[in-house]
PDB file of N, CA and C in Angstrom:
ATOM      1  N   MET A   1      -1.859 -10.189   8.985  1.00  0.00           N
ATOM      2  CA  MET A   1      -1.863  -8.744   9.111  1.00  0.00           C
ATOM      3  C   MET A   1      -0.592  -8.187   8.491  1.00  0.00           C
ATOM      4  N   ARG A   2      -0.737  -7.188   7.650  1.00  0.00           N
ATOM      5  CA  ARG A   2       0.399  -6.598   6.955  1.00  0.00           C
ATOM      6  C   ARG A   2       1.166  -5.655   7.873  1.00  0.00           C
ATOM      7  N   VAL A   3       2.482  -5.680   7.748  1.00  0.00           N
ATOM      8  CA  VAL A   3       3.352  -4.790   8.512  1.00  0.00           C
ATOM      9  C   VAL A   3       3.135  -3.360   8.022  1.00  0.00           C
ATOM     10  N   LYS A   4       3.133  -2.415   8.928  1.00  0.00           N
ATOM     11  CA  LYS A   4       2.971  -1.007   8.555  1.00  0.00           C
ATOM     12  C   LYS A   4       4.104  -0.577   7.624  1.00  0.00           C
ATOM     13  N   SER A   5       3.804   0.359   6.747  1.00  0.00           N
ATOM     14  CA  SER A   5       4.788   0.839   5.773  1.00  0.00           C
ATOM     15  C   SER A   5       6.030   1.391   6.451  1.00  0.00           C
ATOM     16  N   ALA A   6       5.855   2.155   7.510  1.00  0.00           N
ATOM     17  CA  ALA A   6       7.000   2.759   8.199  1.00  0.00           C
ATOM     18  C   ALA A   6       7.941   1.686   8.742  1.00  0.00           C
ATOM     19  N   LEU A   7       7.387   0.611   9.276  1.00  0.00           N
ATOM     20  CA  LEU A   7       8.207  -0.476   9.803  1.00  0.00           C
ATOM     21  C   LEU A   7       8.904  -1.234   8.677  1.00  0.00           C
ATOM     22  N   PHE A   8       8.193  -1.470   7.581  1.00  0.00           N
ATOM     23  CA  PHE A   8       8.785  -2.154   6.434  1.00  0.00           C
ATOM     24  C   PHE A   8       9.970  -1.367   5.888  1.00  0.00           C
ATOM     25  N   VAL A   9       9.795  -0.054   5.738  1.00  0.00           N
ATOM     26  CA  VAL A   9      10.865   0.800   5.221  1.00  0.00           C
ATOM     27  C   VAL A   9      12.053   0.815   6.179  1.00  0.00           C
ATOM     28  N   SER A  10      11.787   0.914   7.459  1.00  0.00           N
ATOM     29  CA  SER A  10      12.852   0.905   8.455  1.00  0.00           C
ATOM     30  C   SER A  10      13.674  -0.382   8.375  1.00  0.00           C
ATOM     31  N   ALA A  11      12.991  -1.509   8.270  1.00  0.00           N
ATOM     32  CA  ALA A  11      13.686  -2.801   8.167  1.00  0.00           C
ATOM     33  C   ALA A  11      14.475  -2.894   6.866  1.00  0.00           C
ATOM     34  N   LEU A  12      13.915  -2.391   5.781  1.00  0.00           N
ATOM     35  CA  LEU A  12      14.596  -2.400   4.485  1.00  0.00           C
ATOM     36  C   LEU A  12      15.894  -1.600   4.554  1.00  0.00           C
ATOM     37  N   ILE A  13      15.836  -0.440   5.167  1.00  0.00           N
ATOM     38  CA  ILE A  13      17.023   0.411   5.293  1.00  0.00           C
ATOM     39  C   ILE A  13      18.087  -0.271   6.152  1.00  0.00           C
ATOM     40  N   ARG A  14      17.685  -0.862   7.256  1.00  0.00           N
ATOM     41  CA  ARG A  14      18.645  -1.578   8.118  1.00  0.00           C
ATOM     42  C   ARG A  14      19.323  -2.713   7.366  1.00  0.00           C
ATOM     43  N   ARG A  15      18.543  -3.475   6.609  1.00  0.00           N
ATOM     44  CA  ARG A  15      19.118  -4.595   5.858  1.00  0.00           C
ATOM     45  C   ARG A  15      20.073  -4.121   4.771  1.00  0.00           C
ATOM     46  N   ALA A  16      19.747  -2.999   4.119  1.00  0.00           N
ATOM     47  CA  ALA A  16      20.638  -2.465   3.085  1.00  0.00           C
ATOM     48  C   ALA A  16      21.971  -2.047   3.691  1.00  0.00           C
ATOM     49  N   PHE A  17      21.949  -1.377   4.834  1.00  0.00           N
ATOM     50  CA  PHE A  17      23.184  -0.985   5.507  1.00  0.00           C
ATOM     51  C   PHE A  17      23.959  -2.212   5.968  1.00  0.00           C
ATOM     52  N   ALA A  18      23.264  -3.243   6.427  1.00  0.00           N
ATOM     53  CA  ALA A  18      23.926  -4.473   6.874  1.00  0.00           C
ATOM     54  C   ALA A  18      24.661  -5.161   5.723  1.00  0.00           C
ATOM     55  N   LEU A  19      24.182  -4.962   4.509  1.00  0.00           N
ATOM     56  CA  LEU A  19      24.830  -5.532   3.329  1.00  0.00           C
ATOM     57  C   LEU A  19      25.962  -4.653   2.800  1.00  0.00           C
ATOM     58  N   GLY A  20      26.224  -3.547   3.476  1.00  0.00           N
ATOM     59  CA  GLY A  20      27.298  -2.653   3.055  1.00  0.00           C
ATOM     60  C   GLY A  20      26.875  -1.604   2.057  1.00  0.00           C
ATOM     61  N   GLY A  21      25.585  -1.451   1.867  1.00  0.00           N
ATOM     62  CA  GLY A  21      25.080  -0.457   0.932  1.00  0.00           C
ATOM     63  C   GLY A  21      24.650   0.811   1.638  1.00  0.00           C
ATOM     64  N   PHE A  22      23.986   1.650   0.900  1.00  0.00           N
ATOM     65  CA  PHE A  22      23.462   2.904   1.438  1.00  0.00           C
ATOM     66  C   PHE A  22      21.969   2.928   1.160  1.00  0.00           C
ATOM     67  N   ALA A  23      21.216   3.504   2.076  1.00  0.00           N
ATOM     68  CA  ALA A  23      19.773   3.628   1.903  1.00  0.00           C
ATOM     69  C   ALA A  23      19.293   4.923   2.529  1.00  0.00           C
ATOM     70  N   ALA A  24      18.279   5.516   1.918  1.00  0.00           N
ATOM     71  CA  ALA A  24      17.701   6.745   2.446  1.00  0.00           C
ATOM     72  C   ALA A  24      16.250   6.853   2.008  1.00  0.00           C
ATOM     73  N   VAL A  25      15.463   7.486   2.843  1.00  0.00           N
ATOM     74  CA  VAL A  25      14.068   7.771   2.497  1.00  0.00           C
ATOM     75  C   VAL A  25      14.058   9.102   1.756  1.00  0.00           C
ATOM     76  N   ASP A  26      13.658   9.072   0.497  1.00  0.00           N
ATOM     77  CA  ASP A  26      13.580  10.287  -0.308  1.00  0.00           C
ATOM     78  C   ASP A  26      12.233  10.983  -0.094  1.00  0.00           C
ATOM     79  N   ARG A  27      11.208  10.190   0.156  1.00  0.00           N
ATOM     80  CA  ARG A  27       9.873  10.743   0.400  1.00  0.00           C
ATOM     81  C   ARG A  27       9.173   9.858   1.426  1.00  0.00           C
ATOM     82  N   LYS A  28       8.733  10.480   2.503  1.00  0.00           N
ATOM     83  CA  LYS A  28       8.038   9.752   3.554  1.00  0.00           C
ATOM     84  C   LYS A  28       6.545   9.799   3.278  1.00  0.00           C
ATOM     85  N   GLY A  29       5.930   8.618   3.244  1.00  0.00           N
ATOM     86  CA  GLY A  29       4.513   8.522   2.968  1.00  0.00           C
ATOM     87  C   GLY A  29       3.704   8.242   4.214  1.00  0.00           C
ATOM     88  N   ALA A  30       2.534   7.700   4.007  1.00  0.00           N
ATOM     89  CA  ALA A  30       1.640   7.373   5.113  1.00  0.00           C
ATOM     90  C   ALA A  30       2.255   6.271   5.969  1.00  0.00           C
ATOM     91  N   GLU A  31       2.282   6.492   7.281  1.00  0.00           N
ATOM     92  CA  GLU A  31       2.902   5.551   8.225  1.00  0.00           C
ATOM     93  C   GLU A  31       2.251   4.171   8.173  1.00  0.00           C
ATOM     94  N   GLU A  32       0.960   4.134   8.052  1.00  0.00           N
ATOM     95  CA  GLU A  32       0.216   2.883   8.156  1.00  0.00           C
ATOM     96  C   GLU A  32       0.282   2.034   6.887  1.00  0.00           C
ATOM     97  N   ALA A  33      -0.084   2.629   5.765  1.00  0.00           N
ATOM     98  CA  ALA A  33      -0.253   1.808   4.563  1.00  0.00           C
ATOM     99  C   ALA A  33       0.126   2.510   3.268  1.00  0.00           C
ATOM    100  N   GLY A  34       1.083   3.413   3.300  1.00  0.00           N
ATOM    101  CA  GLY A  34       1.507   4.078   2.076  1.00  0.00           C
ATOM    102  C   GLY A  34       2.200   3.108   1.138  1.00  0.00           C
ATOM    103  N   ALA A  35       1.976   3.255  -0.155  1.00  0.00           N
ATOM    104  CA  ALA A  35       2.662   2.431  -1.153  1.00  0.00           C
ATOM    105  C   ALA A  35       4.154   2.740  -1.099  1.00  0.00           C
ATOM    106  N   ILE A  36       4.981   1.738  -1.333  1.00  0.00           N
ATOM    107  CA  ILE A  36       6.432   1.896  -1.240  1.00  0.00           C
ATOM    108  C   ILE A  36       7.056   1.670  -2.607  1.00  0.00           C
ATOM    109  N   PHE A  37       7.825   2.650  -3.067  1.00  0.00           N
ATOM    110  CA  PHE A  37       8.591   2.549  -4.305  1.00  0.00           C
ATOM    111  C   PHE A  37      10.057   2.526  -3.928  1.00  0.00           C
ATOM    112  N   VAL A  38      10.818   1.636  -4.544  1.00  0.00           N
ATOM    113  CA  VAL A  38      12.239   1.488  -4.235  1.00  0.00           C
ATOM    114  C   VAL A  38      13.040   1.790  -5.489  1.00  0.00           C
ATOM    115  N   ARG A  39      13.922   2.780  -5.362  1.00  0.00           N
ATOM    116  CA  ARG A  39      14.783   3.192  -6.468  1.00  0.00           C
ATOM    117  C   ARG A  39      16.174   2.627  -6.185  1.00  0.00           C
ATOM    118  N   LEU A  40      16.587   1.615  -6.950  1.00  0.00           N
ATOM    119  CA  LEU A  40      17.903   0.999  -6.809  1.00  0.00           C
ATOM    120  C   LEU A  40      18.848   1.704  -7.765  1.00  0.00           C
ATOM    121  N   ILE A  41      19.842   2.375  -7.196  1.00  0.00           N
ATOM    122  CA  ILE A  41      20.786   3.157  -7.994  1.00  0.00           C
ATOM    123  C   ILE A  41      22.098   2.400  -8.056  1.00  0.00           C
ATOM    124  N   GLY A  42      22.507   2.046  -9.263  1.00  0.00           N
ATOM    125  CA  GLY A  42      23.742   1.287  -9.458  1.00  0.00           C
ATOM    126  C   GLY A  42      24.964   2.184  -9.440  1.00  0.00           C
ATOM    127  N   ARG A  43      26.124   1.558  -9.439  1.00  0.00           N
ATOM    128  CA  ARG A  43      27.397   2.308  -9.441  1.00  0.00           C
ATOM    129  C   ARG A  43      27.551   3.182 -10.686  1.00  0.00           C
ATOM    130  N   ASP A  44      26.921   2.766 -11.780  1.00  0.00           N
ATOM    131  CA  ASP A  44      27.002   3.524 -13.031  1.00  0.00           C
ATOM    132  C   ASP A  44      25.951   4.625 -13.123  1.00  0.00           C
ATOM    133  N   GLY A  45      25.132   4.767 -12.073  1.00  0.00           N
ATOM    134  CA  GLY A  45      24.101   5.801 -12.058  1.00  0.00           C
ATOM    135  C   GLY A  45      22.780   5.373 -12.671  1.00  0.00           C
ATOM    136  N   ARG A  46      22.743   4.167 -13.245  1.00  0.00           N
ATOM    137  CA  ARG A  46      21.498   3.668 -13.821  1.00  0.00           C
ATOM    138  C   ARG A  46      20.535   3.297 -12.704  1.00  0.00           C
ATOM    139  N   VAL A  47      19.252   3.414 -12.964  1.00  0.00           N
ATOM    140  CA  VAL A  47      18.230   3.207 -11.942  1.00  0.00           C
ATOM    141  C   VAL A  47      17.310   2.049 -12.333  1.00  0.00           C
ATOM    142  N   THR A  48      17.055   1.195 -11.361  1.00  0.00           N
ATOM    143  CA  THR A  48      16.029   0.173 -11.489  1.00  0.00           C
ATOM    144  C   THR A  48      14.974   0.523 -10.453  1.00  0.00           C
ATOM    145  N   LEU A  49      13.735   0.632 -10.891  1.00  0.00           N
ATOM    146  CA  LEU A  49      12.655   1.073 -10.018  1.00  0.00           C
ATOM    147  C   LEU A  49      11.699  -0.071  -9.732  1.00  0.00           C
ATOM    148  N   TYR A  50      11.485  -0.320  -8.443  1.00  0.00           N
ATOM    149  CA  TYR A  50      10.547  -1.346  -7.997  1.00  0.00           C
ATOM    150  C   TYR A  50       9.318  -0.651  -7.418  1.00  0.00           C
ATOM    151  N   ALA A  51       8.154  -1.151  -7.814  1.00  0.00           N
ATOM    152  CA  ALA A  51       6.880  -0.580  -7.377  1.00  0.00           C
ATOM    153  C   ALA A  51       6.002  -1.703  -6.846  1.00  0.00           C
ATOM    154  N   PRO A  52       4.979  -1.349  -6.069  1.00  0.00           N
ATOM    155  CA  PRO A  52       4.067  -2.391  -5.601  1.00  0.00           C
ATOM    156  C   PRO A  52       3.446  -3.126  -6.794  1.00  0.00           C
ATOM    157  N   ALA A  53       3.430  -4.450  -6.710  1.00  0.00           N
ATOM    158  CA  ALA A  53       2.819  -5.248  -7.775  1.00  0.00           C
ATOM    159  C   ALA A  53       1.303  -5.119  -7.687  1.00  0.00           C
ATOM    160  N   PRO A  54       0.634  -5.128  -8.825  1.00  0.00           N
ATOM    161  CA  PRO A  54      -0.830  -5.095  -8.806  1.00  0.00           C
ATOM    162  C   PRO A  54      -1.385  -6.294  -8.048  1.00  0.00           C
ATOM    163  N   GLN A  55      -2.553  -6.139  -7.473  1.00  0.00           N
ATOM    164  CA  GLN A  55      -3.172  -7.214  -6.703  1.00  0.00           C
ATOM    165  C   GLN A  55      -3.366  -8.473  -7.547  1.00  0.00           C
ATOM    166  N   SER A  56      -3.628  -8.306  -8.838  1.00  0.00           N
ATOM    167  CA  SER A  56      -3.826  -9.474  -9.702  1.00  0.00           C
ATOM    168  C   SER A  56      -2.545 -10.303  -9.806  1.00  0.00           C
ATOM    169  N   VAL A  57      -1.397  -9.647  -9.831  1.00  0.00           N
ATOM    170  CA  VAL A  57      -0.112 -10.359  -9.880  1.00  0.00           C
ATOM    171  C   VAL A  57       0.138 -11.054  -8.557  1.00  0.00           C
ATOM    172  N   ALA A  58      -0.132 -10.372  -7.465  1.00  0.00           N
ATOM    173  CA  ALA A  58       0.064 -10.958  -6.132  1.00  0.00           C
ATOM    174  C   ALA A  58      -0.814 -12.192  -5.959  1.00  0.00           C
ATOM    175  N   ALA A  59      -2.023 -12.161  -6.478  1.00  0.00           N
ATOM    176  CA  ALA A  59      -2.934 -13.296  -6.343  1.00  0.00           C
ATOM    177  C   ALA A  59      -2.451 -14.504  -7.138  1.00  0.00           C
ATOM    178  N   GLU A  60      -1.697 -14.265  -8.229  1.00  0.00           N
ATOM    179  CA  GLU A  60      -1.191 -15.345  -9.070  1.00  0.00           C
ATOM    180  C   GLU A  60       0.018 -16.050  -8.463  1.00  0.00           C
ATOM    181  N   GLN A  61       0.700 -15.416  -7.540  1.00  0.00           N
ATOM    182  CA  GLN A  61       1.900 -15.996  -6.945  1.00  0.00           C
ATOM    183  C   GLN A  61       1.518 -17.138  -6.020  1.00  0.00           C
ATOM    184  N   GLU A  62       1.958 -18.338  -6.334  1.00  0.00           N
ATOM    185  CA  GLU A  62       1.612 -19.510  -5.540  1.00  0.00           C
ATOM    186  C   GLU A  62       2.201 -19.455  -4.140  1.00  0.00           C
ATOM    187  N   ASP A  63       3.443 -18.979  -4.035  1.00  0.00           N
ATOM    188  CA  ASP A  63       4.132 -18.993  -2.740  1.00  0.00           C
ATOM    189  C   ASP A  63       3.948 -17.703  -1.962  1.00  0.00           C
ATOM    190  N   ALA A  64       3.163 -16.779  -2.484  1.00  0.00           N
ATOM    191  CA  ALA A  64       2.965 -15.502  -1.794  1.00  0.00           C
ATOM    192  C   ALA A  64       1.966 -15.664  -0.655  1.00  0.00           C
ATOM    193  N   ILE A  65       2.272 -15.041   0.436  1.00  0.00           N
ATOM    194  CA  ILE A  65       1.345 -14.997   1.554  1.00  0.00           C
ATOM    195  C   ILE A  65       0.421 -13.819   1.303  1.00  0.00           C
ATOM    196  N   ALA A  66      -0.833 -13.973   1.597  1.00  0.00           N
ATOM    197  CA  ALA A  66      -1.840 -12.956   1.260  1.00  0.00           C
ATOM    198  C   ALA A  66      -1.485 -11.569   1.774  1.00  0.00           C
ATOM    199  N   ASP A  67      -0.854 -11.466   2.936  1.00  0.00           N
ATOM    200  CA  ASP A  67      -0.575 -10.161   3.509  1.00  0.00           C
ATOM    201  C   ASP A  67       0.824  -9.640   3.195  1.00  0.00           C
ATOM    202  N   ASP A  68       1.620 -10.389   2.466  1.00  0.00           N
ATOM    203  CA  ASP A  68       2.970  -9.938   2.122  1.00  0.00           C
ATOM    204  C   ASP A  68       2.923  -8.831   1.083  1.00  0.00           C
ATOM    205  N   ARG A  69       3.917  -7.977   1.151  1.00  0.00           N
ATOM    206  CA  ARG A  69       4.077  -6.981   0.095  1.00  0.00           C
ATOM    207  C   ARG A  69       4.801  -7.665  -1.060  1.00  0.00           C
ATOM    208  N   LEU A  70       4.407  -7.359  -2.267  1.00  0.00           N
ATOM    209  CA  LEU A  70       5.036  -7.918  -3.449  1.00  0.00           C
ATOM    210  C   LEU A  70       5.348  -6.763  -4.385  1.00  0.00           C
ATOM    211  N   PHE A  71       6.528  -6.791  -4.973  1.00  0.00           N
ATOM    212  CA  PHE A  71       6.977  -5.713  -5.849  1.00  0.00           C
ATOM    213  C   PHE A  71       7.155  -6.219  -7.266  1.00  0.00           C
ATOM    214  N   GLU A  72       7.109  -5.282  -8.206  1.00  0.00           N
ATOM    215  CA  GLU A  72       7.412  -5.574  -9.597  1.00  0.00           C
ATOM    216  C   GLU A  72       8.448  -4.578 -10.080  1.00  0.00           C
ATOM    217  N   CYS A  73       9.242  -4.981 -11.041  1.00  0.00           N
ATOM    218  CA  CYS A  73      10.248  -4.086 -11.613  1.00  0.00           C
ATOM    219  C   CYS A  73       9.543  -3.206 -12.640  1.00  0.00           C
ATOM    220  N   ARG A  74       9.457  -1.913 -12.366  1.00  0.00           N
ATOM    221  CA  ARG A  74       8.748  -0.987 -13.246  1.00  0.00           C
ATOM    222  C   ARG A  74       9.693  -0.406 -14.298  1.00  0.00           C
ATOM    223  N   LEU A  75      10.940  -0.129 -13.928  1.00  0.00           N
ATOM    224  CA  LEU A  75      11.976   0.348 -14.864  1.00  0.00           C
ATOM    225  C   LEU A  75      13.253  -0.418 -14.589  1.00  0.00           C
ATOM    226  N   LYS A  76      13.982  -0.766 -15.626  1.00  0.00           N
ATOM    227  CA  LYS A  76      15.240  -1.481 -15.435  1.00  0.00           C
ATOM    228  C   LYS A  76      16.350  -0.745 -16.164  1.00  0.00           C
ATOM    229  N   ASP A  77      17.411  -0.448 -15.433  1.00  0.00           N
ATOM    230  CA  ASP A  77      18.598   0.231 -15.990  1.00  0.00           C
ATOM    231  C   ASP A  77      18.229   1.484 -16.778  1.00  0.00           C
ATOM    232  N   ALA A  78      17.386   2.290 -16.194  1.00  0.00           N
ATOM    233  CA  ALA A  78      16.936   3.538 -16.824  1.00  0.00           C
ATOM    234  C   ALA A  78      17.791   4.703 -16.338  1.00  0.00           C
ATOM    235  N   GLY A  79      17.632   5.819 -16.978  1.00  0.00           N
ATOM    236  CA  GLY A  79      18.293   7.035 -16.531  1.00  0.00           C
ATOM    237  C   GLY A  79      17.599   7.593 -15.294  1.00  0.00           C
ATOM    238  N   TYR A  80      18.332   8.362 -14.510  1.00  0.00           N
ATOM    239  CA  TYR A  80      17.781   8.907 -13.269  1.00  0.00           C
ATOM    240  C   TYR A  80      16.579   9.809 -13.567  1.00  0.00           C
ATOM    241  N   ASP A  81      16.673  10.625 -14.614  1.00  0.00           N
ATOM    242  CA  ASP A  81      15.573  11.539 -14.959  1.00  0.00           C
ATOM    243  C   ASP A  81      14.308  10.793 -15.361  1.00  0.00           C
ATOM    244  N   GLU A  82      14.457   9.678 -16.051  1.00  0.00           N
ATOM    245  CA  GLU A  82      13.305   8.876 -16.458  1.00  0.00           C
ATOM    246  C   GLU A  82      12.595   8.303 -15.223  1.00  0.00           C
ATOM    247  N   ALA A  83      13.383   7.807 -14.264  1.00  0.00           N
ATOM    248  CA  ALA A  83      12.807   7.274 -13.020  1.00  0.00           C
ATOM    249  C   ALA A  83      12.138   8.392 -12.226  1.00  0.00           C
ATOM    250  N   LEU A  84      12.767   9.549 -12.185  1.00  0.00           N
ATOM    251  CA  LEU A  84      12.214  10.686 -11.461  1.00  0.00           C
ATOM    252  C   LEU A  84      10.873  11.113 -12.057  1.00  0.00           C
ATOM    253  N   ALA A  85      10.779  11.145 -13.375  1.00  0.00           N
ATOM    254  CA  ALA A  85       9.524  11.527 -14.040  1.00  0.00           C
ATOM    255  C   ALA A  85       8.413  10.540 -13.708  1.00  0.00           C
ATOM    256  N   LEU A  86       8.722   9.248 -13.709  1.00  0.00           N
ATOM    257  CA  LEU A  86       7.722   8.248 -13.368  1.00  0.00           C
ATOM    258  C   LEU A  86       7.259   8.424 -11.924  1.00  0.00           C
ATOM    259  N   LEU A  87       8.198   8.654 -11.019  1.00  0.00           N
ATOM    260  CA  LEU A  87       7.845   8.839  -9.611  1.00  0.00           C
ATOM    261  C   LEU A  87       7.024  10.104  -9.383  1.00  0.00           C
ATOM    262  N   GLU A  88       7.306  11.168 -10.118  1.00  0.00           N
ATOM    263  CA  GLU A  88       6.518  12.393  -9.995  1.00  0.00           C
ATOM    264  C   GLU A  88       5.071  12.158 -10.419  1.00  0.00           C
ATOM    265  N   ARG A  89       4.881  11.372 -11.487  1.00  0.00           N
ATOM    266  CA  ARG A  89       3.513  11.019 -11.916  1.00  0.00           C
ATOM    267  C   ARG A  89       2.808  10.207 -10.838  1.00  0.00           C
ATOM    268  N   GLU A  90       3.527   9.260 -10.246  1.00  0.00           N
ATOM    269  CA  GLU A  90       2.941   8.437  -9.186  1.00  0.00           C
ATOM    270  C   GLU A  90       2.567   9.284  -7.969  1.00  0.00           C
ATOM    271  N   CYS A  91       3.402  10.276  -7.640  1.00  0.00           N
ATOM    272  CA  CYS A  91       3.131  11.147  -6.489  1.00  0.00           C
ATOM    273  C   CYS A  91       1.880  11.993  -6.709  1.00  0.00           C
ATOM    274  N   ARG A  92       1.643  12.402  -7.948  1.00  0.00           N
ATOM    275  CA  ARG A  92       0.419  13.153  -8.234  1.00  0.00           C
ATOM    276  C   ARG A  92      -0.810  12.265  -8.061  1.00  0.00           C
ATOM    277  N   PHE A  93      -0.667  10.993  -8.394  1.00  0.00           N
ATOM    278  CA  PHE A  93      -1.766  10.036  -8.265  1.00  0.00           C
ATOM    279  C   PHE A  93      -1.983   9.621  -6.807  1.00  0.00           C
ATOM    280  N   ASP A  94      -0.881   9.415  -6.073  1.00  0.00           N
ATOM    281  CA  ASP A  94      -0.954   8.942  -4.682  1.00  0.00           C
ATOM    282  C   ASP A  94       0.041   9.726  -3.824  1.00  0.00           C
ATOM    283  N   PRO A  95      -0.393  10.809  -3.189  1.00  0.00           N
ATOM    284  CA  PRO A  95       0.532  11.642  -2.402  1.00  0.00           C
ATOM    285  C   PRO A  95       1.018  10.984  -1.111  1.00  0.00           C
ATOM    286  N   ASP A  96       0.482   9.813  -0.748  1.00  0.00           N
ATOM    287  CA  ASP A  96       0.886   9.132   0.488  1.00  0.00           C
ATOM    288  C   ASP A  96       1.968   8.082   0.271  1.00  0.00           C
ATOM    289  N   LEU A  97       2.577   8.041  -0.901  1.00  0.00           N
ATOM    290  CA  LEU A  97       3.558   6.991  -1.176  1.00  0.00           C
ATOM    291  C   LEU A  97       4.938   7.290  -0.586  1.00  0.00           C
ATOM    292  N   TRP A  98       5.702   6.241  -0.407  1.00  0.00           N
ATOM    293  CA  TRP A  98       7.086   6.318   0.078  1.00  0.00           C
ATOM    294  C   TRP A  98       8.019   6.131  -1.119  1.00  0.00           C
ATOM    295  N   ILE A  99       9.170   6.808  -1.095  1.00  0.00           N
ATOM    296  CA  ILE A  99      10.236   6.555  -2.065  1.00  0.00           C
ATOM    297  C   ILE A  99      11.506   6.287  -1.265  1.00  0.00           C
ATOM    298  N   VAL A 100      12.073   5.108  -1.484  1.00  0.00           N
ATOM    299  CA  VAL A 100      13.289   4.705  -0.789  1.00  0.00           C
ATOM    300  C   VAL A 100      14.389   4.535  -1.822  1.00  0.00           C
ATOM    301  N   ASP A 101      15.526   5.179  -1.591  1.00  0.00           N
ATOM    302  CA  ASP A 101      16.691   5.036  -2.458  1.00  0.00           C
ATOM    303  C   ASP A 101      17.655   4.031  -1.855  1.00  0.00           C
ATOM    304  N   LEU A 102      18.112   3.094  -2.682  1.00  0.00           N
ATOM    305  CA  LEU A 102      19.117   2.122  -2.263  1.00  0.00           C
ATOM    306  C   LEU A 102      20.300   2.214  -3.212  1.00  0.00           C
ATOM    307  N   GLU A 103      21.487   2.200  -2.654  1.00  0.00           N
ATOM    308  CA  GLU A 103      22.699   2.110  -3.464  1.00  0.00           C
ATOM    309  C   GLU A 103      23.371   0.810  -3.088  1.00  0.00           C
ATOM    310  N   LEU A 104      23.128  -0.199  -3.921  1.00  0.00           N
ATOM    311  CA  LEU A 104      23.642  -1.548  -3.730  1.00  0.00           C
ATOM    312  C   LEU A 104      24.011  -2.120  -5.091  1.00  0.00           C
ATOM    313  N   ASP A 105      24.775  -3.207  -5.077  1.00  0.00           N
ATOM    314  CA  ASP A 105      25.115  -3.865  -6.340  1.00  0.00           C
ATOM    315  C   ASP A 105      23.921  -4.583  -6.945  1.00  0.00           C
ATOM    316  N   GLY A 106      22.974  -4.994  -6.114  1.00  0.00           N
ATOM    317  CA  GLY A 106      21.779  -5.676  -6.601  1.00  0.00           C
ATOM    318  C   GLY A 106      20.737  -5.747  -5.500  1.00  0.00           C
ATOM    319  N   ILE A 107      19.531  -6.044  -5.878  1.00  0.00           N
ATOM    320  CA  ILE A 107      18.446  -6.064  -4.901  1.00  0.00           C
ATOM    321  C   ILE A 107      18.484  -7.333  -4.056  1.00  0.00           C
ATOM    322  N   GLY A 108      19.068  -8.398  -4.602  1.00  0.00           N
ATOM    323  CA  GLY A 108      19.169  -9.652  -3.844  1.00  0.00           C
ATOM    324  C   GLY A 108      17.811 -10.105  -3.345  1.00  0.00           C
ATOM    325  N   ASP A 109      17.752 -10.438  -2.053  1.00  0.00           N
ATOM    326  CA  ASP A 109      16.482 -10.874  -1.480  1.00  0.00           C
ATOM    327  C   ASP A 109      15.884  -9.814  -0.559  1.00  0.00           C
ATOM    328  N   LEU A 110      16.261  -8.555  -0.767  1.00  0.00           N
ATOM    329  CA  LEU A 110      15.716  -7.471   0.063  1.00  0.00           C
ATOM    330  C   LEU A 110      14.225  -7.264  -0.143  1.00  0.00           C
ATOM    331  N   LEU A 111      13.769  -7.472  -1.365  1.00  0.00           N
ATOM    332  CA  LEU A 111      12.352  -7.265  -1.684  1.00  0.00           C
ATOM    333  C   LEU A 111      11.765  -8.537  -2.277  1.00  0.00           C
ATOM    334  N   PRO A 112      10.528  -8.852  -1.935  1.00  0.00           N
ATOM    335  CA  PRO A 112       9.855  -9.943  -2.631  1.00  0.00           C
ATOM    336  C   PRO A 112       9.388  -9.429  -4.000  1.00  0.00           C
ATOM    337  N   VAL A 113      10.004  -9.929  -5.051  1.00  0.00           N
ATOM    338  CA  VAL A 113       9.717  -9.467  -6.417  1.00  0.00           C
ATOM    339  C   VAL A 113       8.892 -10.543  -7.118  1.00  0.00           C
ATOM    340  N   ALA A 114       7.878 -10.103  -7.845  1.00  0.00           N
ATOM    341  CA  ALA A 114       6.985 -11.016  -8.559  1.00  0.00           C
ATOM    342  C   ALA A 114       7.779 -11.907  -9.501  1.00  0.00           C
ATOM    343  N   ALA A 115       7.366 -13.150  -9.612  1.00  0.00           N
ATOM    344  CA  ALA A 115       8.034 -14.115 -10.475  1.00  0.00           C
ATOM    345  C   ALA A 115       8.066 -13.590 -11.903  1.00  0.00           C
ATOM    346  N   GLY A 116       9.155 -13.866 -12.585  1.00  0.00           N
ATOM    347  CA  GLY A 116       9.310 -13.417 -13.959  1.00  0.00           C
ATOM    348  C   GLY A 116       9.907 -12.035 -14.065  1.00  0.00           C
ATOM    349  N   GLU A 117      10.239 -11.422 -12.932  1.00  0.00           N
ATOM    350  CA  GLU A 117      10.808 -10.077 -12.949  1.00  0.00           C
ATOM    351  C   GLU A 117      12.316 -10.144 -12.895  1.00  0.00           C
TER     352      GLU A 117
END
C-alpha cells in the first residue's frame, strides 16, 4: 500500500530540515494521491526538478517495490523561470499535484530516483 502524498511530503520536509536544509510546500495537492514534484534549488539559484517517473520506468527498476514512489530528473541545473514554466504546464494538466521546494546541496537519498538519472 502506497503512503499518502501528504505523509510522504511531511516526511520529506522533516528529513530535509534534519540534514540542515530548508524545505517548504509551494503548492498543496490532493492529500491521498496527488503527484509530487520536487524543486531542488541550489546555492547558485539553479534548479533541478524531480517529477514522478512514468509507470513504465518504475516497472523496469529491478529493486523497486511496486508501491514505492519513484522520481525522475525532469530538469537539471535549469533557471528558476524555466522550472516555473514547466510546473505551470503540469498544474494545468493535473491541478491536484504537490510542489515541494528544497534548498540543499544535493538530493542525496531523500528521493528514490530512477536508475540512470
